[in-house]
Amino acid sequence: MTGEALASAFEEQRGRLVAVAQRMLGSRTDAEDAVQEAWLRLARQDADTIDNLSGWLTTVVGRVCIDTLRSRKTRPEDSYDEPPELLVLDDSPEEDALLAESVGVALVVVLDTLGPAERLAFVLHDLFAVSFAEIGEILGKSADAAKMLASRARRKVRGQRPADEPRQRAVVDAFLAAAREGDFGGLMEMLDPDVTWRSQSRHGEVVRLGAAEVATRVQRGARAAGMTRPALVNGKPGIVSWSRTGKLLGVMSCTIVDGRIVGIDSVSDPRRLAAMGVTSRESSSSK
């Protein structure tokens, strides 16, 4: 294979490799660095000895990510170059079947509770359908061991639900109902007077303080949305909203104390939302 052909073949894989690395590392910059390292190793390799370029590159990127995660564990003072994004889980009885489909791009908040090997096994298998045999090869373990790691990781991810989730969910449900009905007073009842809303928009982080300002913002957003529904966001009850055409408008995670919402973290930046890959069940079923 000529150098030009090799570079072209690598570029065909780049998008997928960055997606894998970003879900592993939670940072676009770190993900691109990992993929660049894979390219450098490929350039030094005799390409004619590689039977499966896609698998070879996945293995290299996976091992680079493992090394990066282990390095982070030994240097906890290192900070991420960008804020963690929101992990969205479908809040329904079908959650187990939809878990892999509904997770977002940067799994830092929840997956940071996993060890590097668990994290890799979960991400590669549940999100990218990589076989346990291939995962085991990356980790230097058997396929059965890789399967056990993924299973353990899956249980930990699902176990992030708060103990008092039913009560917290009821608060968000009431908040969502008030928003849909345009009930400003109902919104105020669900909000702590000193509630803080941090929103990651295309213009950067926007912070809103106080129940009245937050309620006004939510009421205006509810009018613009075509559909809203509850969801688990970073292990907390939250809300996902779409336009009438099925475009994802925003994802919110709510922190609840003593029956009131004291904090909201949301993403409305179109680029971050697009990367989450969250779709409405209505739009998905109509395809």
C-alpha atoms as a PDB file:
ATOM      1  CA  MET A   1       0.000   0.000   0.000  1.00  0.00           C
ATOM      2  CA  THR A   2       1.399   3.386  -0.994  1.00  0.00           C
ATOM      3  CA  GLY A   3       1.764   6.181   1.519  1.00  0.00           C
ATOM      4  CA  GLU A   4      -1.046   8.111  -0.133  1.00  0.00           C
ATOM      5  CA  ALA A   5      -3.368   5.111  -0.057  1.00  0.00           C
ATOM      6  CA  LEU A   6      -2.518   4.466   3.596  1.00  0.00           C
ATOM      7  CA  ALA A   7      -3.255   8.075   4.527  1.00  0.00           C
ATOM      8  CA  SER A   8      -6.568   7.907   2.659  1.00  0.00           C
ATOM      9  CA  ALA A   9      -7.531   4.668   4.412  1.00  0.00           C
ATOM     10  CA  PHE A  10      -6.670   6.199   7.773  1.00  0.00           C
ATOM     11  CA  GLU A  11      -8.765   9.301   7.089  1.00  0.00           C
ATOM     12  CA  GLU A  12     -11.751   7.059   6.388  1.00  0.00           C
ATOM     13  CA  GLN A  13     -11.358   5.690   9.926  1.00  0.00           C
ATOM     14  CA  ARG A  14     -10.567   8.976  11.664  1.00  0.00           C
ATOM     15  CA  GLY A  15     -14.123  10.002  12.552  1.00  0.00           C
ATOM     16  CA  ARG A  16     -14.906   6.663  14.169  1.00  0.00           C
ATOM     17  CA  LEU A  17     -11.599   6.591  16.027  1.00  0.00           C
ATOM     18  CA  VAL A  18     -12.088  10.091  17.433  1.00  0.00           C
ATOM     19  CA  ALA A  19     -15.586   9.095  18.561  1.00  0.00           C
ATOM     20  CA  VAL A  20     -14.200   6.039  20.370  1.00  0.00           C
ATOM     21  CA  ALA A  21     -11.414   8.021  22.014  1.00  0.00           C
ATOM     22  CA  GLN A  22     -13.666  10.911  23.011  1.00  0.00           C
ATOM     23  CA  ARG A  23     -16.113   8.579  24.712  1.00  0.00           C
ATOM     24  CA  MET A  24     -13.185   6.966  26.499  1.00  0.00           C
ATOM     25  CA  LEU A  25     -11.395  10.148  27.534  1.00  0.00           C
ATOM     26  CA  GLY A  26     -14.136  12.779  27.722  1.00  0.00           C
ATOM     27  CA  SER A  27     -12.008  15.344  25.918  1.00  0.00           C
ATOM     28  CA  ARG A  28     -11.960  16.209  22.236  1.00  0.00           C
ATOM     29  CA  THR A  29      -8.351  17.376  22.480  1.00  0.00           C
ATOM     30  CA  ASP A  30      -7.182  14.188  24.209  1.00  0.00           C
ATOM     31  CA  ALA A  31      -9.154  12.113  21.707  1.00  0.00           C
ATOM     32  CA  GLU A  32      -7.495  13.796  18.738  1.00  0.00           C
ATOM     33  CA  ASP A  33      -4.097  13.326  20.385  1.00  0.00           C
ATOM     34  CA  ALA A  34      -4.809   9.605  20.796  1.00  0.00           C
ATOM     35  CA  VAL A  35      -5.836   9.272  17.154  1.00  0.00           C
ATOM     36  CA  GLN A  36      -2.767  11.198  16.036  1.00  0.00           C
ATOM     37  CA  GLU A  37      -0.610   8.800  18.031  1.00  0.00           C
ATOM     38  CA  ALA A  38      -2.317   5.917  16.226  1.00  0.00           C
ATOM     39  CA  TRP A  39      -1.444   7.538  12.892  1.00  0.00           C
ATOM     40  CA  LEU A  40       2.201   7.915  13.912  1.00  0.00           C
ATOM     41  CA  ARG A  41       2.355   4.240  14.870  1.00  0.00           C
ATOM     42  CA  LEU A  42       0.661   3.259  11.617  1.00  0.00           C
ATOM     43  CA  ALA A  43       3.167   5.305   9.633  1.00  0.00           C
ATOM     44  CA  ARG A  44       5.985   3.306  11.250  1.00  0.00           C
ATOM     45  CA  GLN A  45       4.242  -0.008  10.595  1.00  0.00           C
ATOM     46  CA  ASP A  46       4.524  -2.131   7.455  1.00  0.00           C
ATOM     47  CA  ALA A  47       0.923  -1.734   6.299  1.00  0.00           C
ATOM     48  CA  ASP A  48       1.111  -4.903   4.223  1.00  0.00           C
ATOM     49  CA  THR A  49       1.336  -6.906   7.469  1.00  0.00           C
ATOM     50  CA  ILE A  50      -2.024  -5.543   8.705  1.00  0.00           C
ATOM     51  CA  ASP A  51      -4.925  -7.789   7.724  1.00  0.00           C
ATOM     52  CA  ASN A  52      -7.663  -5.651   9.304  1.00  0.00           C
ATOM     53  CA  LEU A  53      -6.816  -1.957   9.375  1.00  0.00           C
ATOM     54  CA  SER A  54      -9.999  -0.977  11.231  1.00  0.00           C
ATOM     55  CA  GLY A  55      -9.361  -3.522  13.972  1.00  0.00           C
ATOM     56  CA  TRP A  56      -5.668  -2.643  14.175  1.00  0.00           C
ATOM     57  CA  LEU A  57      -6.418   1.049  14.605  1.00  0.00           C
ATOM     58  CA  THR A  58      -9.130   0.379  17.181  1.00  0.00           C
ATOM     59  CA  THR A  59      -6.650  -1.698  19.162  1.00  0.00           C
ATOM     60  CA  VAL A  60      -3.992   1.006  19.053  1.00  0.00           C
ATOM     61  CA  VAL A  61      -6.405   3.801  19.994  1.00  0.00           C
ATOM     62  CA  GLY A  62      -7.844   1.658  22.783  1.00  0.00           C
ATOM     63  CA  ARG A  63      -4.403   1.022  24.258  1.00  0.00           C
ATOM     64  CA  VAL A  64      -3.447   4.691  23.999  1.00  0.00           C
ATOM     65  CA  CYS A  65      -6.660   5.596  25.822  1.00  0.00           C
ATOM     66  CA  ILE A  66      -5.972   3.009  28.522  1.00  0.00           C
ATOM     67  CA  ASP A  67      -2.510   4.507  29.068  1.00  0.00           C
ATOM     68  CA  THR A  68      -3.990   8.009  29.241  1.00  0.00           C
ATOM     69  CA  LEU A  69      -6.620   6.981  31.784  1.00  0.00           C
ATOM     70  CA  ARG A  70      -4.069   5.231  33.940  1.00  0.00           C
ATOM     71  CA  SER A  71      -1.853   8.297  33.780  1.00  0.00           C
ATOM     72  CA  ARG A  72      -4.769  10.406  35.008  1.00  0.00           C
ATOM     73  CA  LYS A  73      -5.207   8.117  37.985  1.00  0.00           C
ATOM     74  CA  THR A  74      -1.616   8.698  39.010  1.00  0.00           C
ATOM     75  CA  ARG A  75      -1.874  12.466  38.453  1.00  0.00           C
ATOM     76  CA  PRO A  76      -5.289  13.418  39.856  1.00  0.00           C
ATOM     77  CA  GLU A  77      -4.382  17.089  39.880  1.00  0.00           C
ATOM     78  CA  ASP A  78      -4.593  17.147  36.084  1.00  0.00           C
ATOM     79  CA  SER A  79      -7.794  18.787  34.892  1.00  0.00           C
ATOM     80  CA  TYR A  80      -9.748  18.259  31.715  1.00  0.00           C
ATOM     81  CA  ASP A  81      -9.366  20.836  29.001  1.00  0.00           C
ATOM     82  CA  GLU A  82     -13.116  21.234  28.651  1.00  0.00           C
ATOM     83  CA  PRO A  83     -16.147  20.833  30.951  1.00  0.00           C
ATOM     84  CA  PRO A  84     -17.693  17.372  31.163  1.00  0.00           C
ATOM     85  CA  GLU A  85     -20.750  16.999  29.011  1.00  0.00           C
ATOM     86  CA  LEU A  86     -24.017  15.431  30.031  1.00  0.00           C
ATOM     87  CA  LEU A  87     -24.641  11.703  29.986  1.00  0.00           C
ATOM     88  CA  VAL A  88     -28.252  11.037  29.020  1.00  0.00           C
ATOM     89  CA  LEU A  89     -30.062   7.805  29.885  1.00  0.00           C
ATOM     90  CA  ASP A  90     -33.584   7.132  28.744  1.00  0.00           C
ATOM     91  CA  ASP A  91     -35.829   7.399  31.799  1.00  0.00           C
ATOM     92  CA  SER A  92     -38.202   4.533  31.071  1.00  0.00           C
ATOM     93  CA  PRO A  93     -38.736   0.816  31.799  1.00  0.00           C
ATOM     94  CA  GLU A  94     -36.875   0.080  28.564  1.00  0.00           C
ATOM     95  CA  GLU A  95     -33.719   1.786  29.838  1.00  0.00           C
ATOM     96  CA  ASP A  96     -31.632  -1.397  29.879  1.00  0.00           C
ATOM     97  CA  ALA A  97     -32.235  -1.993  26.172  1.00  0.00           C
ATOM     98  CA  LEU A  98     -31.604   1.659  25.326  1.00  0.00           C
ATOM     99  CA  LEU A  99     -28.629   2.254  27.604  1.00  0.00           C
ATOM    100  CA  ALA A 100     -25.965   2.019  24.929  1.00  0.00           C
ATOM    101  CA  GLU A 101     -28.020   4.002  22.397  1.00  0.00           C
ATOM    102  CA  SER A 102     -28.771   6.950  24.638  1.00  0.00           C
ATOM    103  CA  VAL A 103     -25.458   7.748  26.280  1.00  0.00           C
ATOM    104  CA  GLY A 104     -23.761  10.982  25.362  1.00  0.00           C
ATOM    105  CA  VAL A 105     -20.362  11.789  24.000  1.00  0.00           C
ATOM    106  CA  ALA A 106     -18.190  12.506  27.011  1.00  0.00           C
ATOM    107  CA  LEU A 107     -18.866   9.998  29.756  1.00  0.00           C
ATOM    108  CA  VAL A 108     -16.568  11.678  32.269  1.00  0.00           C
ATOM    109  CA  VAL A 109     -19.123  12.254  34.999  1.00  0.00           C
ATOM    110  CA  VAL A 110     -20.400   8.677  35.314  1.00  0.00           C
ATOM    111  CA  LEU A 111     -17.692   6.598  33.666  1.00  0.00           C
ATOM    112  CA  ASP A 112     -15.032   8.206  35.825  1.00  0.00           C
ATOM    113  CA  THR A 113     -16.218   5.795  38.519  1.00  0.00           C
ATOM    114  CA  LEU A 114     -14.936   2.920  36.371  1.00  0.00           C
ATOM    115  CA  GLY A 115     -11.437   1.561  36.124  1.00  0.00           C
ATOM    116  CA  PRO A 116      -9.685   2.018  32.768  1.00  0.00           C
ATOM    117  CA  ALA A 117     -10.259  -1.604  31.706  1.00  0.00           C
ATOM    118  CA  GLU A 118     -13.948  -1.496  32.664  1.00  0.00           C
ATOM    119  CA  ARG A 119     -14.360   1.778  30.846  1.00  0.00           C
ATOM    120  CA  LEU A 120     -12.794   0.486  27.661  1.00  0.00           C
ATOM    121  CA  ALA A 121     -14.811  -2.749  27.718  1.00  0.00           C
ATOM    122  CA  PHE A 122     -18.092  -0.879  28.227  1.00  0.00           C
ATOM    123  CA  VAL A 123     -17.434   1.808  25.621  1.00  0.00           C
ATOM    124  CA  LEU A 124     -16.120  -0.500  22.903  1.00  0.00           C
ATOM    125  CA  HIS A 125     -18.729  -3.212  23.335  1.00  0.00           C
ATOM    126  CA  ASP A 126     -21.887  -1.335  24.318  1.00  0.00           C
ATOM    127  CA  LEU A 127     -21.345   1.759  22.189  1.00  0.00           C
ATOM    128  CA  PHE A 128     -19.360   0.465  19.221  1.00  0.00           C
ATOM    129  CA  ALA A 129     -20.256  -3.245  19.099  1.00  0.00           C
ATOM    130  CA  VAL A 130     -16.636  -4.392  19.261  1.00  0.00           C
ATOM    131  CA  SER A 131     -16.461  -8.100  20.060  1.00  0.00           C
ATOM    132  CA  PHE A 132     -15.254  -9.294  23.444  1.00  0.00           C
ATOM    133  CA  ALA A 133     -12.526 -11.256  21.683  1.00  0.00           C
ATOM    134  CA  GLU A 134     -11.132  -8.032  20.205  1.00  0.00           C
ATOM    135  CA  ILE A 135     -11.520  -6.185  23.509  1.00  0.00           C
ATOM    136  CA  GLY A 136      -9.729  -8.986  25.298  1.00  0.00           C
ATOM    137  CA  GLU A 137      -6.854  -8.697  22.833  1.00  0.00           C
ATOM    138  CA  ILE A 138      -6.556  -4.960  23.526  1.00  0.00           C
ATOM    139  CA  LEU A 139      -6.522  -5.581  27.275  1.00  0.00           C
ATOM    140  CA  GLY A 140      -4.373  -8.686  27.190  1.00  0.00           C
ATOM    141  CA  LYS A 141      -7.224 -10.737  28.661  1.00  0.00           C
ATOM    142  CA  SER A 142      -9.565 -13.479  27.539  1.00  0.00           C
ATOM    143  CA  ALA A 143     -12.879 -12.764  25.831  1.00  0.00           C
ATOM    144  CA  ASP A 144     -14.704 -14.013  28.951  1.00  0.00           C
ATOM    145  CA  ALA A 145     -12.723 -11.625  31.154  1.00  0.00           C
ATOM    146  CA  ALA A 146     -13.562  -8.738  28.821  1.00  0.00           C
ATOM    147  CA  LYS A 147     -17.235  -9.702  28.987  1.00  0.00           C
ATOM    148  CA  MET A 148     -17.127  -9.679  32.784  1.00  0.00           C
ATOM    149  CA  LEU A 149     -15.508  -6.234  32.785  1.00  0.00           C
ATOM    150  CA  ALA A 150     -18.215  -4.827  30.516  1.00  0.00           C
ATOM    151  CA  SER A 151     -20.949  -6.400  32.626  1.00  0.00           C
ATOM    152  CA  ARG A 152     -19.487  -4.966  35.831  1.00  0.00           C
ATOM    153  CA  ALA A 153     -19.151  -1.533  34.209  1.00  0.00           C
ATOM    154  CA  ARG A 154     -22.742  -1.665  33.004  1.00  0.00           C
ATOM    155  CA  ARG A 155     -23.990  -2.383  36.519  1.00  0.00           C
ATOM    156  CA  LYS A 156     -21.984   0.531  37.897  1.00  0.00           C
ATOM    157  CA  VAL A 157     -23.311   2.927  35.261  1.00  0.00           C
ATOM    158  CA  ARG A 158     -26.893   1.908  35.971  1.00  0.00           C
ATOM    159  CA  GLY A 159     -26.195   2.126  39.690  1.00  0.00           C
ATOM    160  CA  GLN A 160     -25.634   5.866  39.523  1.00  0.00           C
ATOM    161  CA  ARG A 161     -29.326   6.512  40.210  1.00  0.00           C
ATOM    162  CA  PRO A 162     -29.787   8.439  43.474  1.00  0.00           C
ATOM    163  CA  ALA A 163     -31.382   6.539  46.370  1.00  0.00           C
ATOM    164  CA  ASP A 164     -34.273   9.007  46.576  1.00  0.00           C
ATOM    165  CA  GLU A 165     -34.791   9.080  42.820  1.00  0.00           C
ATOM    166  CA  PRO A 166     -38.601   8.579  42.901  1.00  0.00           C
ATOM    167  CA  ARG A 167     -39.046  11.731  45.000  1.00  0.00           C
ATOM    168  CA  GLN A 168     -36.579  13.661  42.870  1.00  0.00           C
ATOM    169  CA  ARG A 169     -38.267  12.484  39.699  1.00  0.00           C
ATOM    170  CA  ALA A 170     -41.617  13.658  41.051  1.00  0.00           C
ATOM    171  CA  VAL A 171     -40.170  17.152  41.520  1.00  0.00           C
ATOM    172  CA  VAL A 172     -38.891  17.234  37.934  1.00  0.00           C
ATOM    173  CA  ASP A 173     -42.187  15.845  36.634  1.00  0.00           C
ATOM    174  CA  ALA A 174     -44.084  18.628  38.410  1.00  0.00           C
ATOM    175  CA  PHE A 175     -41.597  21.177  37.119  1.00  0.00           C
ATOM    176  CA  LEU A 176     -41.974  19.862  33.574  1.00  0.00           C
ATOM    177  CA  ALA A 177     -45.778  19.871  33.826  1.00  0.00           C
ATOM    178  CA  ALA A 178     -45.771  23.490  35.005  1.00  0.00           C
ATOM    179  CA  ALA A 179     -43.479  24.433  32.114  1.00  0.00           C
ATOM    180  CA  ARG A 180     -45.736  22.748  29.571  1.00  0.00           C
ATOM    181  CA  GLU A 181     -48.819  24.491  30.988  1.00  0.00           C
ATOM    182  CA  GLY A 182     -47.135  27.891  31.203  1.00  0.00           C
ATOM    183  CA  ASP A 183     -47.729  27.873  34.963  1.00  0.00           C
ATOM    184  CA  PHE A 184     -45.203  30.414  36.249  1.00  0.00           C
ATOM    185  CA  GLY A 185     -46.355  29.982  39.854  1.00  0.00           C
ATOM    186  CA  GLY A 186     -45.966  26.217  39.597  1.00  0.00           C
ATOM    187  CA  LEU A 187     -42.433  26.645  38.300  1.00  0.00           C
ATOM    188  CA  MET A 188     -41.559  28.942  41.190  1.00  0.00           C
ATOM    189  CA  GLU A 189     -42.856  26.382  43.699  1.00  0.00           C
ATOM    190  CA  MET A 190     -40.412  23.773  42.374  1.00  0.00           C
ATOM    191  CA  LEU A 191     -37.400  26.123  42.380  1.00  0.00           C
ATOM    192  CA  ASP A 192     -35.238  27.083  45.324  1.00  0.00           C
ATOM    193  CA  PRO A 193     -35.165  30.908  45.610  1.00  0.00           C
ATOM    194  CA  ASP A 194     -31.395  30.862  45.084  1.00  0.00           C
ATOM    195  CA  VAL A 195     -31.379  28.303  42.261  1.00  0.00           C
ATOM    196  CA  THR A 196     -28.404  28.453  39.900  1.00  0.00           C
ATOM    197  CA  TRP A 197     -28.600  27.550  36.222  1.00  0.00           C
ATOM    198  CA  ARG A 198     -25.376  26.930  34.307  1.00  0.00           C
ATOM    199  CA  SER A 199     -25.872  26.587  30.584  1.00  0.00           C
ATOM    200  CA  GLN A 200     -23.273  25.566  27.998  1.00  0.00           C
ATOM    201  CA  SER A 201     -24.392  27.443  24.875  1.00  0.00           C
ATOM    202  CA  ARG A 202     -22.673  28.290  21.604  1.00  0.00           C
ATOM    203  CA  HIS A 203     -21.563  31.529  23.282  1.00  0.00           C
ATOM    204  CA  GLY A 204     -19.874  29.763  26.212  1.00  0.00           C
ATOM    205  CA  GLU A 205     -21.098  29.278  29.754  1.00  0.00           C
ATOM    206  CA  VAL A 206     -24.051  31.367  30.871  1.00  0.00           C
ATOM    207  CA  VAL A 207     -24.982  31.506  34.561  1.00  0.00           C
ATOM    208  CA  ARG A 208     -28.467  32.512  35.689  1.00  0.00           C
ATOM    209  CA  LEU A 209     -29.268  33.082  39.348  1.00  0.00           C
ATOM    210  CA  GLY A 210     -32.598  33.199  41.125  1.00  0.00           C
ATOM    211  CA  ALA A 211     -35.926  31.437  40.739  1.00  0.00           C
ATOM    212  CA  ALA A 212     -37.720  34.198  38.821  1.00  0.00           C
ATOM    213  CA  GLU A 213     -35.091  34.436  36.102  1.00  0.00           C
ATOM    214  CA  VAL A 214     -34.824  30.654  35.756  1.00  0.00           C
ATOM    215  CA  ALA A 215     -38.614  30.199  35.672  1.00  0.00           C
ATOM    216  CA  THR A 216     -38.938  32.859  32.986  1.00  0.00           C
ATOM    217  CA  ARG A 217     -36.254  31.180  30.901  1.00  0.00           C
ATOM    218  CA  VAL A 218     -37.824  27.722  31.292  1.00  0.00           C
ATOM    219  CA  GLN A 219     -41.297  29.017  30.435  1.00  0.00           C
ATOM    220  CA  ARG A 220     -39.982  30.650  27.265  1.00  0.00           C
ATOM    221  CA  GLY A 221     -38.078  27.499  26.285  1.00  0.00           C
ATOM    222  CA  ALA A 222     -41.110  25.284  26.834  1.00  0.00           C
ATOM    223  CA  ARG A 223     -43.128  27.385  24.379  1.00  0.00           C
ATOM    224  CA  ALA A 224     -40.415  26.968  21.738  1.00  0.00           C
ATOM    225  CA  ALA A 225     -40.028  23.218  22.211  1.00  0.00           C
ATOM    226  CA  GLY A 226     -42.161  20.785  20.289  1.00  0.00           C
ATOM    227  CA  MET A 227     -41.646  17.986  22.804  1.00  0.00           C
ATOM    228  CA  THR A 228     -40.083  17.578  26.221  1.00  0.00           C
ATOM    229  CA  ARG A 229     -39.618  14.433  28.262  1.00  0.00           C
ATOM    230  CA  PRO A 230     -37.916  13.358  31.484  1.00  0.00           C
ATOM    231  CA  ALA A 231     -34.537  11.641  31.329  1.00  0.00           C
ATOM    232  CA  LEU A 232     -31.675  10.588  33.549  1.00  0.00           C
ATOM    233  CA  VAL A 233     -28.853  13.054  33.019  1.00  0.00           C
ATOM    234  CA  ASN A 234     -25.546  12.405  34.786  1.00  0.00           C
ATOM    235  CA  GLY A 235     -27.395  10.085  37.133  1.00  0.00           C
ATOM    236  CA  LYS A 236     -29.915  12.780  38.104  1.00  0.00           C
ATOM    237  CA  PRO A 237     -33.497  13.410  36.986  1.00  0.00           C
ATOM    238  CA  GLY A 238     -33.469  15.809  34.068  1.00  0.00           C
ATOM    239  CA  ILE A 239     -35.243  16.972  30.948  1.00  0.00           C
ATOM    240  CA  VAL A 240     -34.591  16.637  27.221  1.00  0.00           C
ATOM    241  CA  SER A 241     -36.363  18.867  24.701  1.00  0.00           C
ATOM    242  CA  TRP A 242     -36.790  18.740  20.928  1.00  0.00           C
ATOM    243  CA  SER A 243     -38.171  21.101  18.313  1.00  0.00           C
ATOM    244  CA  ARG A 244     -41.325  20.251  16.384  1.00  0.00           C
ATOM    245  CA  THR A 245     -39.132  18.931  13.568  1.00  0.00           C
ATOM    246  CA  GLY A 246     -37.298  16.537  15.911  1.00  0.00           C
ATOM    247  CA  LYS A 247     -34.144  18.615  16.368  1.00  0.00           C
ATOM    248  CA  LEU A 248     -32.563  18.286  19.822  1.00  0.00           C
ATOM    249  CA  LEU A 249     -32.781  21.683  21.543  1.00  0.00           C
ATOM    250  CA  GLY A 250     -31.422  21.080  25.009  1.00  0.00           C
ATOM    251  CA  VAL A 251     -30.530  18.690  27.820  1.00  0.00           C
ATOM    252  CA  MET A 252     -30.916  19.631  31.495  1.00  0.00           C
ATOM    253  CA  SER A 253     -29.716  17.940  34.683  1.00  0.00           C
ATOM    254  CA  CYS A 254     -31.395  18.984  37.945  1.00  0.00           C
ATOM    255  CA  THR A 255     -29.931  18.947  41.458  1.00  0.00           C
ATOM    256  CA  ILE A 256     -32.701  18.621  44.033  1.00  0.00           C
ATOM    257  CA  VAL A 257     -32.538  19.297  47.773  1.00  0.00           C
ATOM    258  CA  ASP A 258     -35.522  19.081  50.144  1.00  0.00           C
ATOM    259  CA  GLY A 259     -38.024  18.843  47.318  1.00  0.00           C
ATOM    260  CA  ARG A 260     -36.805  21.853  45.342  1.00  0.00           C
ATOM    261  CA  ILE A 261     -34.457  22.317  42.415  1.00  0.00           C
ATOM    262  CA  VAL A 262     -31.336  24.099  43.641  1.00  0.00           C
ATOM    263  CA  GLY A 263     -29.203  23.750  40.520  1.00  0.00           C
ATOM    264  CA  ILE A 264     -29.589  23.120  36.806  1.00  0.00           C
ATOM    265  CA  ASP A 265     -26.820  22.187  34.389  1.00  0.00           C
ATOM    266  CA  SER A 266     -27.780  22.316  30.740  1.00  0.00           C
ATOM    267  CA  VAL A 267     -26.355  22.075  27.251  1.00  0.00           C
ATOM    268  CA  SER A 268     -27.833  24.023  24.333  1.00  0.00           C
ATOM    269  CA  ASP A 269     -24.746  24.315  22.135  1.00  0.00           C
ATOM    270  CA  PRO A 270     -25.783  22.684  18.819  1.00  0.00           C
ATOM    271  CA  ARG A 271     -22.352  21.095  18.329  1.00  0.00           C
ATOM    272  CA  ARG A 272     -22.384  19.438  21.748  1.00  0.00           C
ATOM    273  CA  LEU A 273     -25.989  18.356  21.306  1.00  0.00           C
ATOM    274  CA  ALA A 274     -25.280  16.844  17.900  1.00  0.00           C
ATOM    275  CA  ALA A 275     -22.419  14.845  19.378  1.00  0.00           C
ATOM    276  CA  MET A 276     -24.694  13.369  22.068  1.00  0.00           C
ATOM    277  CA  GLY A 277     -26.665  11.421  19.499  1.00  0.00           C
ATOM    278  CA  VAL A 278     -29.901  11.633  21.529  1.00  0.00           C
ATOM    279  CA  THR A 279     -33.051  11.196  19.440  1.00  0.00           C
ATOM    280  CA  SER A 280     -36.727  11.351  20.346  1.00  0.00           C
ATOM    281  CA  ARG A 281     -38.539   8.043  20.351  1.00  0.00           C
ATOM    282  CA  GLU A 282     -41.173   9.544  18.054  1.00  0.00           C
ATOM    283  CA  SER A 283     -38.645  10.648  15.439  1.00  0.00           C
ATOM    284  CA  SER A 284     -36.771   7.347  15.698  1.00  0.00           C
ATOM    285  CA  SER A 285     -39.892   5.243  15.236  1.00  0.00           C
ATOM    286  CA  SER A 286     -40.983   7.246  12.210  1.00  0.00           C
ATOM    287  CA  LYS A 287     -37.849   6.435  10.243  1.00  0.00           C
END
